[in-house]
Protein backbone atom coordinates (compact mmCIF):
# COMPACT_ATOMS: atom_id res chain seq x y z
CA UNK A 1 4.11 5.96 -4.53
CA UNK A 2 5.39 8.72 -2.37
CA UNK A 3 8.76 8.72 -2.76
CA UNK A 4 11.56 11.62 -3.58
CA UNK A 5 12.78 11.28 -6.98
CA UNK A 6 16.44 11.05 -5.74
CA UNK A 7 14.97 7.75 -4.51
CA UNK A 8 12.91 6.39 -6.87
CA UNK A 9 12.39 7.61 -10.15
CA UNK A 10 8.80 8.52 -11.29
CA UNK A 11 8.50 5.42 -13.60
CA UNK A 12 9.31 3.17 -10.59
CA UNK A 13 6.65 4.92 -8.57
CA UNK A 14 3.45 3.34 -10.63
CA UNK A 15 2.55 6.28 -12.22
CA UNK A 16 -1.12 5.21 -13.55
CA UNK A 17 -3.89 6.88 -16.00
CA UNK A 18 -6.62 8.01 -13.88
CA UNK A 19 -9.85 6.35 -15.24
CA UNK A 20 -10.77 9.96 -16.01
CA UNK A 21 -8.12 10.72 -18.15
CA UNK A 22 -9.27 7.31 -20.02
CA UNK A 23 -13.11 8.80 -20.53
CA UNK A 24 -11.45 11.79 -22.20
CA UNK A 25 -9.40 9.45 -24.64
CA UNK A 26 -12.79 7.84 -25.33
CA UNK A 27 -14.33 11.23 -26.06
CA UNK A 28 -11.70 12.28 -28.19
CA UNK A 29 -11.67 9.25 -30.48
CA UNK A 30 -15.19 9.65 -31.01
CA UNK A 31 -15.00 13.31 -31.86
CA UNK A 32 -11.99 12.35 -34.11
CA UNK A 33 -14.40 9.81 -35.89
CA UNK A 34 -17.29 12.21 -35.86
CA UNK A 35 -15.91 15.63 -36.09
CA UNK A 36 -19.34 17.20 -37.24
CA UNK A 37 -21.15 16.40 -34.21
CA UNK A 38 -20.36 17.37 -30.30
CA UNK A 39 -19.83 15.06 -27.87
CA UNK A 40 -22.65 15.12 -25.43
CA UNK A 41 -22.10 11.80 -23.09
CA UNK A 42 -20.05 8.73 -22.51
CA UNK A 43 -21.75 5.69 -20.89
CA UNK A 44 -21.22 1.94 -19.94
CA UNK A 45 -17.57 2.74 -19.32
CA UNK A 46 -15.74 -0.30 -18.13
CA UNK A 47 -12.12 -0.83 -16.98
CA UNK A 48 -10.84 -4.07 -16.72
CA UNK A 49 -7.49 -3.15 -15.83
CA UNK A 50 -5.09 -0.61 -14.56
CA UNK A 51 -3.50 1.59 -17.45
CA UNK A 52 0.14 1.73 -15.29
CA UNK A 53 3.68 2.85 -16.25
CA UNK A 54 5.68 -0.25 -14.74
CA UNK A 55 9.32 0.86 -14.78
CA UNK A 56 9.18 2.80 -18.24
CA UNK A 57 8.54 6.15 -19.11
CA UNK A 58 6.66 5.53 -22.00
CA UNK A 59 3.46 3.44 -22.58
CA UNK A 60 1.88 2.95 -26.32
CA UNK A 61 -2.20 2.49 -26.12
CA UNK A 62 -3.98 1.32 -28.90
CA UNK A 63 -7.40 2.71 -29.47
CA UNK A 64 -10.04 1.36 -31.50
CA UNK A 65 -13.16 3.47 -32.55
CA UNK A 66 -16.42 2.34 -34.40
CA UNK A 67 -19.67 4.03 -35.55
CA UNK A 68 -22.27 2.35 -34.21
CA UNK A 69 -25.21 4.41 -35.24
CA UNK A 70 -25.89 8.21 -36.25
CA UNK A 71 -25.30 9.43 -32.33
CA UNK A 72 -23.25 6.30 -30.83
CA UNK A 73 -19.74 5.54 -30.91
CA UNK A 74 -18.00 2.58 -29.31
CA UNK A 75 -14.34 2.89 -28.43
CA UNK A 76 -11.84 0.55 -26.35
CA UNK A 77 -8.58 1.14 -25.20
CA UNK A 78 -5.78 -1.56 -25.67
CA UNK A 79 -2.36 -1.74 -24.08
CA UNK A 80 0.88 -3.99 -25.57
CA UNK A 81 0.36 -7.35 -25.27
CA UNK A 82 -3.24 -7.71 -24.27
CA UNK A 83 -5.86 -8.88 -26.28
CA UNK A 84 -8.45 -7.55 -24.10
CA UNK A 85 -9.21 -3.91 -23.83
CA UNK A 86 -8.03 -2.34 -20.68
CA UNK A 87 -11.15 0.37 -21.25
CA UNK A 88 -14.12 0.42 -23.04
CA UNK A 89 -17.01 2.76 -23.35
CA UNK A 90 -19.84 4.29 -25.59
CA UNK A 91 -19.68 8.07 -26.41
CA UNK A 92 -23.24 9.67 -27.88
CA UNK A 93 -22.65 12.66 -29.71
CA UNK A 94 -25.40 15.03 -31.45
CA UNK A 95 -26.21 18.42 -32.60
CA UNK A 96 -27.35 20.15 -29.57
CA UNK A 97 -26.64 19.70 -25.79
CA UNK A 98 -29.25 17.30 -23.55
CA UNK A 99 -31.37 19.18 -21.13
CA UNK A 100 -30.37 18.59 -17.66
CA UNK A 101 -32.19 16.10 -15.44
CA UNK A 102 -33.90 17.19 -12.44
CA UNK A 103 -31.45 17.93 -9.51
CA UNK A 104 -31.17 14.98 -7.08
CA UNK A 105 -32.77 15.72 -3.59
CA UNK A 106 -29.47 15.15 -1.37
CA UNK A 107 -29.42 15.24 2.42
CA UNK A 108 -26.17 16.26 4.35
CA UNK A 109 -26.88 16.78 8.10
CA UNK A 110 -23.43 15.82 9.61
CA UNK A 111 -19.93 18.02 9.34
CA UNK A 112 -17.34 16.40 7.36
CA UNK A 113 -14.58 15.02 10.12
CA UNK A 114 -11.88 16.65 8.02
CA UNK A 115 -11.27 19.86 5.92
CA UNK A 116 -10.78 19.82 2.17
CA UNK A 117 -7.13 21.18 2.81
CA UNK A 118 -6.51 18.16 5.10
CA UNK A 119 -7.07 16.03 2.19
CA UNK A 120 -3.80 17.32 0.79
CA UNK A 121 -1.89 18.78 3.59
CA UNK A 122 -2.16 15.30 5.65
CA UNK A 123 -1.37 13.33 2.33
CA UNK A 124 -4.91 11.84 2.44
CA UNK A 125 -4.91 11.84 -1.36
CA UNK A 126 -1.73 11.22 -3.22
CA UNK A 127 -2.42 13.64 -5.97
CA UNK A 128 -0.38 15.97 -6.84
CA UNK A 129 -0.76 20.18 -7.07
CA UNK A 130 -2.49 19.88 -10.62
CA UNK A 131 -5.03 17.61 -9.30
CA UNK A 132 -5.83 19.41 -6.11
CA UNK A 133 -9.11 20.52 -6.98
CA UNK A 134 -11.35 19.83 -3.84
CA UNK A 135 -11.69 23.07 -2.12
CA UNK A 136 -14.35 22.62 0.48
CA UNK A 137 -15.88 19.45 2.02
CA UNK A 138 -19.69 20.93 2.48
CA UNK A 139 -21.24 18.10 4.70
CA UNK A 140 -22.17 14.39 4.56
CA UNK A 141 -24.89 11.88 5.70
CA UNK A 142 -25.10 8.01 5.89
CA UNK A 143 -26.33 8.34 2.03
CA UNK A 144 -24.61 11.42 0.46
CA UNK A 145 -21.65 13.73 0.60
CA UNK A 146 -21.46 17.71 -0.39
CA UNK A 147 -18.30 19.28 -1.52
CA UNK A 148 -17.04 22.29 -3.70
CA UNK A 149 -14.37 22.15 -6.13
CA UNK A 150 -12.27 24.29 -8.30
CA UNK A 151 -11.98 24.16 -12.29
CA UNK A 152 -8.17 24.25 -13.11
CA UNK A 153 -6.67 24.97 -16.70
CA UNK A 154 -6.02 21.84 -18.59
CA UNK A 155 -3.05 23.54 -20.22
CA UNK A 156 -1.63 22.75 -16.77
CA UNK A 157 -1.21 19.04 -17.99
CA UNK A 158 0.71 19.75 -20.88
CA UNK A 159 4.18 20.48 -22.49
CA UNK A 160 2.96 22.20 -25.20
CA UNK A 161 -0.26 24.26 -26.23
CA UNK A 162 -3.34 22.78 -26.61
CA UNK A 163 -4.92 22.98 -30.25
CA UNK A 164 -8.53 23.12 -28.68
CA UNK A 165 -10.09 22.48 -25.00
CA UNK A 166 -10.58 19.17 -23.86
CA UNK A 167 -13.78 17.59 -24.18
CA UNK A 168 -14.12 16.34 -20.41
CA UNK A 169 -12.52 17.87 -17.88
CA UNK A 170 -10.44 14.55 -16.50
CA UNK A 171 -9.16 16.48 -13.61
CA UNK A 172 -12.57 18.06 -12.22
CA UNK A 173 -13.83 14.50 -12.89
CA UNK A 174 -11.05 13.01 -10.75
CA UNK A 175 -11.89 15.47 -8.07
CA UNK A 176 -15.11 13.85 -7.55
CA UNK A 177 -13.52 10.68 -7.41
CA UNK A 178 -11.46 12.02 -4.31
CA UNK A 179 -14.26 13.21 -2.81
CA UNK A 180 -15.82 9.13 -2.99
CA UNK A 181 -12.26 8.11 -1.78
CA UNK A 182 -12.12 10.56 1.20
CA UNK A 183 -15.60 8.87 1.98
CA UNK A 184 -14.36 5.53 1.71
CA UNK A 185 -11.25 6.26 3.88
CA UNK A 186 -13.64 6.73 6.81
CA UNK A 187 -14.16 3.67 6.78
CA UNK A 188 -10.66 2.25 6.29
CA UNK A 189 -10.99 1.51 2.88
CA UNK A 190 -9.68 2.41 -0.31
CA UNK A 191 -11.65 2.93 -3.85
CA UNK A 192 -10.65 1.88 -7.20
CA UNK A 193 -13.05 3.12 -9.89
CA UNK A 194 -14.26 0.21 -12.35
CA UNK A 195 -16.83 1.84 -14.27
CA UNK A 196 -19.42 4.62 -14.78
CA UNK A 197 -22.73 4.11 -15.86
CA UNK A 198 -23.22 7.46 -17.90
CA UNK A 199 -21.20 10.78 -17.54
CA UNK A 200 -23.22 13.61 -19.43
CA UNK A 201 -22.62 17.50 -19.99
CA UNK A 202 -25.38 19.85 -20.42
CA UNK A 203 -23.64 22.82 -21.67
CA UNK A 204 -20.13 24.25 -21.93
CA UNK A 205 -17.75 24.36 -18.90
CA UNK A 206 -17.40 26.98 -16.60
CA UNK A 207 -13.91 28.95 -17.31
CA UNK A 208 -10.55 27.88 -15.35
CA UNK A 209 -10.73 29.23 -12.04
CA UNK A 210 -14.21 28.52 -11.35
CA UNK A 211 -15.95 27.16 -8.32
CA UNK A 212 -18.56 24.30 -8.51
CA UNK A 213 -20.78 22.56 -6.20
CA UNK A 214 -21.53 18.81 -6.11
CA UNK A 215 -23.99 16.72 -4.45
CA UNK A 216 -23.41 12.99 -4.27
CA UNK A 217 -25.75 10.46 -3.45
CA UNK A 218 -24.94 6.83 -2.71
CA UNK A 219 -26.87 4.08 -4.57
CA UNK A 220 -24.55 1.30 -2.78
CA UNK A 221 -22.37 1.46 0.12
CA UNK A 222 -21.05 -1.81 1.55
CA UNK A 223 -18.13 -3.44 2.08
CA UNK A 224 -17.47 -4.24 -1.43
CA UNK A 225 -19.00 -1.75 -3.56
CA UNK A 226 -19.58 2.14 -3.63
CA UNK A 227 -21.95 3.45 -6.41
CA UNK A 228 -23.22 6.71 -6.69
CA UNK A 229 -25.02 9.54 -8.66
CA UNK A 230 -23.47 13.10 -8.96
CA UNK A 231 -24.83 16.55 -9.56
CA UNK A 232 -22.25 19.39 -10.34
CA UNK A 233 -23.54 22.89 -10.44
CA UNK A 234 -21.70 26.08 -12.01
CA UNK A 235 -21.61 29.21 -10.02
CA UNK A 236 -25.07 30.12 -11.10
CA UNK A 237 -26.42 27.18 -9.83
CA UNK A 238 -27.06 25.32 -13.33
CA UNK A 239 -26.77 21.67 -13.46
CA UNK A 240 -24.03 21.31 -15.86
CA UNK A 241 -22.73 17.54 -15.26
CA UNK A 242 -24.90 14.62 -14.05
CA UNK A 243 -23.30 11.05 -13.27
CA UNK A 244 -25.43 7.94 -13.23
CA UNK A 245 -23.69 5.05 -11.65
CA UNK A 246 -20.00 5.90 -10.67
CA UNK A 247 -19.09 2.28 -9.67
CA UNK A 248 -15.81 1.56 -7.38
CA UNK A 249 -14.27 -1.45 -5.72
CA UNK A 250 -13.87 -0.99 -1.84
CA UNK A 251 -10.85 -2.78 -0.43
CA UNK A 252 -9.87 -3.08 2.82
CA UNK A 253 -6.66 -0.81 3.53
CA UNK A 254 -5.90 -0.76 7.25
CA UNK A 255 -5.94 2.68 8.81
CA UNK A 256 -2.28 2.52 9.79
CA UNK A 257 -1.33 1.45 5.94
CA UNK A 258 -2.94 4.55 4.81
CA UNK A 259 -1.01 6.84 7.19
CA UNK A 260 2.12 5.07 6.03
CA UNK A 261 1.38 5.72 2.49
CA UNK A 262 0.59 9.31 3.21
CA UNK A 263 3.83 9.78 5.47
CA UNK A 264 6.17 6.62 4.81
CA UNK A 265 9.07 8.51 6.27
CA UNK A 266 7.54 8.80 9.86
CA UNK A 267 5.48 5.62 9.79
CA UNK A 268 6.05 1.74 9.73
CA UNK A 269 3.89 -0.95 8.42
CA UNK A 270 5.44 -3.48 10.77
CA UNK A 271 4.35 -3.25 14.33
CA UNK A 272 6.90 -2.76 17.27
CA UNK A 273 7.47 -5.67 19.32
CA UNK A 274 8.66 -5.50 22.92
CA UNK A 275 11.96 -7.58 22.51
CA UNK A 276 15.13 -6.27 23.73
CA UNK A 277 14.29 -3.55 25.54
CA UNK A 278 16.50 -0.10 24.66
CA UNK A 279 19.24 -2.15 23.42
CA UNK A 280 17.60 -2.91 20.05
CA UNK A 281 14.69 -2.26 17.86
CA UNK A 282 12.14 -5.23 17.07
CA UNK A 283 9.45 -4.96 14.49
CA UNK A 284 6.84 -8.14 13.91
CA UNK A 285 4.44 -8.13 10.68
CA UNK A 286 1.47 -10.44 9.60
CA UNK A 287 -0.19 -10.63 6.17
CA UNK A 288 -3.09 -9.49 7.23
CA UNK A 289 -1.86 -6.24 8.43
CA UNK A 290 -1.46 -5.25 4.56
CA UNK A 291 -5.38 -5.71 4.25
CA UNK A 292 -5.93 -6.21 0.32
CA UNK A 293 -3.27 -3.98 -0.96
CA UNK A 294 -1.49 -5.64 -4.12
CA UNK A 295 2.02 -6.78 -2.68
CA UNK A 296 3.58 -5.13 -5.80
CA UNK A 297 2.93 -1.70 -4.87
CA UNK A 298 4.13 -2.32 -0.94
CA UNK A 299 6.98 -3.82 -2.66
CA UNK A 300 7.78 -0.50 -4.58
CA UNK A 301 7.06 1.08 -1.26
CA UNK A 302 10.26 -0.67 0.50
CA UNK A 303 12.53 -1.84 -2.13
CA UNK A 304 15.16 -0.18 -4.39
CA UNK A 305 18.10 -1.52 -6.65
CA UNK A 306 19.01 -4.82 -6.01
CA UNK A 307 16.23 -5.76 -3.52
CA UNK A 308 13.48 -4.64 -6.26
CA UNK A 309 15.12 -6.70 -8.97
CA UNK A 310 15.37 -9.90 -6.53
CA UNK A 311 11.76 -9.54 -5.54
CA UNK A 312 10.59 -9.24 -8.93
CA UNK A 313 12.61 -12.37 -10.22
CA UNK A 314 11.07 -14.23 -7.18
CA UNK A 315 8.24 -12.62 -5.48
CA UNK A 316 8.11 -14.49 -2.41
CA UNK A 317 5.80 -13.28 0.44
CA UNK A 318 7.85 -14.18 3.65
CA UNK A 319 11.35 -12.63 2.38
CA UNK A 320 9.18 -9.52 1.31
CA UNK A 321 7.73 -9.40 4.98
CA UNK A 322 11.07 -10.15 6.39
CA UNK A 323 12.36 -7.10 4.44
CA UNK A 324 9.42 -4.87 5.71
CA UNK A 325 9.89 -5.77 9.33
CA UNK A 326 13.87 -5.42 8.83
CA UNK A 327 13.59 -1.97 7.30
CA UNK A 328 11.07 -0.31 9.76
CA UNK A 329 13.48 -1.66 12.77
CA UNK A 330 16.51 -0.15 11.29
CA UNK A 331 14.10 3.08 10.84
CA UNK A 332 13.06 2.98 14.31
CA UNK A 333 16.60 2.29 15.84
CA UNK A 334 17.93 5.44 13.90
CA UNK A 335 15.52 7.70 14.97
CA UNK A 336 15.30 6.57 18.45
CA UNK A 337 18.91 6.78 18.87
CA UNK A 338 20.09 9.65 16.54
CA UNK A 339 17.06 11.55 15.72
CA UNK A 340 17.42 10.24 11.83
CA UNK A 341 14.22 10.20 9.89
CA UNK A 342 14.44 8.11 6.60
CA UNK A 343 12.20 7.04 4.08
CA UNK A 344 12.23 3.14 3.77
CA UNK A 345 14.11 3.26 0.61
CA UNK A 346 16.64 4.90 2.04
CA UNK A 347 17.52 1.56 3.71
CA UNK A 348 19.42 -1.34 1.83
CA UNK A 349 19.53 -4.72 3.15
CA UNK A 350 21.19 -7.52 1.52
CA UNK A 351 22.88 -11.09 2.40
CA UNK A 352 25.97 -12.68 3.03
CA UNK A 353 27.40 -15.89 1.09
CA UNK A 354 25.68 -18.24 4.25
CA UNK A 355 22.31 -16.41 4.06
CA UNK A 356 22.59 -13.85 6.78
CA UNK A 357 21.02 -10.42 6.40
CA UNK A 358 23.66 -7.44 6.62
CA UNK A 359 22.69 -3.56 6.68
CA UNK A 360 24.26 -1.76 3.42
CA UNK A 361 22.55 1.40 3.70
CA UNK A 362 22.84 3.59 5.51
CA UNK A 363 26.54 2.40 6.07
CA UNK A 364 27.67 5.15 8.42
CA UNK A 365 25.92 3.24 11.48
CA UNK A 366 27.25 -0.20 11.88
CA UNK A 367 23.95 -2.45 13.20
CA UNK A 368 23.52 -5.98 13.53
CA UNK A 369 20.50 -7.61 12.27
CA UNK A 370 18.33 -10.66 12.36
CA UNK A 371 15.19 -11.81 10.43
CA UNK A 372 12.69 -14.88 10.94
CA UNK A 373 9.84 -15.91 9.11
CA UNK A 374 6.94 -18.30 10.04
CA UNK A 375 4.36 -18.95 7.70
CA UNK A 376 2.54 -15.16 6.63
CA UNK A 377 4.51 -13.55 9.27
CA UNK A 378 8.37 -12.30 10.04
CA UNK A 379 9.96 -10.81 12.69
CA UNK A 380 13.43 -8.93 12.63
CA UNK A 381 15.42 -7.37 15.15
CA UNK A 382 18.53 -4.73 14.76
CA UNK A 383 20.96 -3.71 17.48
CA UNK A 384 24.37 -1.82 18.14
CA UNK A 385 25.99 -4.96 18.95
CA UNK A 386 28.52 -7.77 17.98
CA UNK A 387 25.89 -9.95 16.43
CA UNK A 388 21.75 -10.12 17.07
CA UNK A 389 19.66 -13.25 16.38
CA UNK A 390 15.78 -13.51 16.32
CA UNK A 391 13.75 -16.66 15.80
CA UNK A 392 10.48 -17.61 15.92
CA UNK A 393 8.33 -20.95 15.85
CA UNK A 394 4.73 -22.64 16.22
CA UNK A 395 4.40 -24.24 19.56
CA UNK A 396 3.71 -28.30 18.58
CA UNK A 397 4.02 -31.77 19.45
CA UNK A 398 7.72 -32.63 18.98
CA UNK A 399 8.62 -36.70 19.24
CA UNK A 400 11.48 -38.10 21.33
CA UNK A 401 13.47 -38.44 18.00
CA UNK A 402 13.24 -34.58 17.33
CA UNK A 403 14.59 -33.85 20.68
CA UNK A 404 17.14 -36.49 20.64
CA UNK A 405 18.02 -34.56 17.37
CA UNK A 406 18.64 -31.46 18.87
CA UNK A 407 19.04 -31.73 22.19
CA UNK A 408 21.57 -34.07 24.36
CA UNK A 409 20.39 -36.09 27.81
CA UNK A 410 22.07 -33.35 29.77
CA UNK A 411 19.86 -30.58 27.96
CA UNK A 412 16.89 -32.16 28.13
CA UNK A 413 17.02 -32.59 31.56
CA UNK A 414 17.57 -28.76 31.79
CA UNK A 415 14.69 -28.36 29.76
CA UNK A 416 12.60 -30.26 31.97
CA UNK A 417 13.15 -28.39 35.22
CA UNK A 418 11.23 -25.48 34.76
CA UNK A 419 7.70 -26.91 35.09
CA UNK A 420 4.51 -25.58 33.32
CA UNK A 421 3.79 -26.28 29.72
CA UNK A 422 6.68 -29.03 28.53
CA UNK A 423 6.15 -28.59 25.11
CA UNK A 424 6.67 -24.81 25.53
CA UNK A 425 9.80 -24.95 27.16
CA UNK A 426 10.95 -27.62 24.52
CA UNK A 427 10.38 -24.84 21.80
CA UNK A 428 11.73 -21.84 24.28
CA UNK A 429 15.16 -23.78 24.11
CA UNK A 430 15.27 -24.75 20.38
CA UNK A 431 14.15 -20.98 19.50
CA UNK A 432 17.21 -19.98 22.00
CA UNK A 433 19.45 -22.24 20.11
CA UNK A 434 18.60 -20.80 16.62
CA UNK A 435 18.92 -17.33 18.06
CA UNK A 436 22.00 -17.95 19.27
CA UNK A 437 23.38 -19.45 16.26
CA UNK A 438 22.12 -16.49 14.31
CA UNK A 439 23.98 -13.84 16.89
CA UNK A 440 27.17 -15.98 15.88
CA UNK A 441 26.51 -15.89 12.08
CA UNK A 442 25.77 -19.36 11.85
CA UNK A 443 22.91 -21.31 10.76
CA UNK A 444 20.69 -24.01 11.36
CA UNK A 445 23.40 -26.75 10.34
CA UNK A 446 25.39 -25.24 13.52
CA UNK A 447 22.89 -26.06 16.12
CA UNK A 448 25.54 -28.93 17.17
CA UNK A 449 27.74 -26.62 18.11
CA UNK A 450 25.44 -24.78 20.95
CA UNK A 451 24.27 -26.32 24.23
CA UNK A 452 21.36 -25.17 26.56
CA UNK A 453 22.93 -25.27 29.94
CA UNK A 454 20.32 -23.45 32.29
CA UNK A 455 16.96 -22.19 32.00
CA UNK A 456 15.52 -19.51 34.13
CA UNK A 457 11.85 -20.34 34.30
CA UNK A 458 10.29 -17.31 35.81
CA UNK A 459 12.42 -14.80 33.38
CA UNK A 460 12.10 -17.13 30.25
CA UNK A 461 16.01 -16.80 29.73
CA UNK A 462 17.46 -19.58 28.55
CA UNK A 463 21.77 -19.65 29.04
CA UNK A 464 22.97 -21.10 25.80
CA UNK A 465 26.68 -22.36 25.69
CA UNK A 466 28.82 -21.84 22.20
CA UNK A 467 30.94 -24.83 22.34
CA UNK A 468 33.23 -23.03 19.56
CA UNK A 469 34.73 -20.49 22.23
CA UNK A 470 33.19 -21.58 25.12
CA UNK A 471 30.98 -18.66 25.78
CA UNK A 472 27.60 -18.47 27.73
CA UNK A 473 24.85 -16.57 26.15
CA UNK A 474 21.59 -15.15 27.85
CA UNK A 475 18.82 -15.38 25.40
CA UNK A 476 15.54 -14.20 25.90
CA UNK A 477 12.34 -16.20 25.04
CA UNK A 478 8.89 -14.88 24.84
CA UNK A 479 5.41 -16.61 24.27
CA UNK A 480 2.58 -15.25 22.14
CA UNK A 481 -0.28 -17.74 22.09
CA UNK A 482 1.13 -20.32 20.03
CA UNK A 483 4.13 -18.45 19.22
CA UNK A 484 7.38 -18.93 20.68
CA UNK A 485 10.38 -15.75 20.03
CA UNK A 486 13.93 -15.88 21.15
CA UNK A 487 16.43 -13.06 21.09
CA UNK A 488 19.91 -13.23 21.28
CA UNK A 489 22.36 -9.98 21.37
CA UNK A 490 26.10 -10.33 21.80
């Protein structure tokens, strides 16, 4: 997850062991068990779950290796508290390199829409400098993609000198996965590697600094799976590495979510909503806008400190959506009014004893804030005002008992005058009273202290009186399909 260390420590950003590093662990375990032979290949690799550091700086991995035959070693990786392996595979060992297969016939008749540099400069890949190995994108087609990669010195990954070279180059292998990930991005999807049919080396690896060429041909490319075969050639054109059946899951990741992950300080997940004009910033979010990305990952992008702890203790979707909408509204207001660009983690929201939200950080600009939830959506408004209130409801039939509970006879007469859809106006008035109560820092139980006095039918404005001080507040109401929203600003 992209965030400065000053806002969230590395262990809070979900550092995850790449599948390709897991393959290296499998190979090294086999080499330890059978030191007199060389590792030639790894096959039937299956990743059941991510091996991630979740709010911890260290993670113990238990490795079980068993020699199955003279040339095959089965290896499994376990994490603490789990009975089933997170990663498993079979390693092939032998006395001499396996001759390479015939190179694949790959057709790439289209230019890639981006350069290799853009993968990293635009944040399309989250990888840091030591994993930035794609040096050129050479072309693509409906069935293939070609690229060039640079081999880096594996010592870069370690604080102490390596006693020997790595068996499989996990950084180069990860670079091949990056090329596949780029192809999925073009379809607004993300890929998560789940297995490898077989990865085999056919000779010694080229030295660090060398450029290698890869040709990737898709076996399967549909809405859920991307499966590919991969050839990698050294500078002399020798087929040095071949992969059969690199398997990934494809998840729907909307383009705006991808762009947010690349540049969270400059983007938002919630959508701006035209309420309040220039006086306020209003953002609205619906669950489906988050695609299929894990909600814990989304929470880590937005929540820190007590907010993060609160969500971990009680992970409610409506509460998280409300925090996202409010965070984006706050950052939008500060950007428009003061030119300030903030990362989501620089914003902190808490709640007053009565439940009303309050902006804690940044603390130098006092802002009024209000949040409303409905099903799997939320809306939030911030303004430089004494108070602000927003509410959203779904239009539905409300019986006479419900009307009598919320509106007196005079109010019901005012609601009936505008004409048009009567139920819509009932909900506009209901929503307006709730927004007015929130703007005064009060909750639902205080609706009896507010009265609807007048409705401007064409404008959709509802005048609400607060009986506590006689103040009349013009509340804007808005209709979006079967939703009614109201905004009150004091």
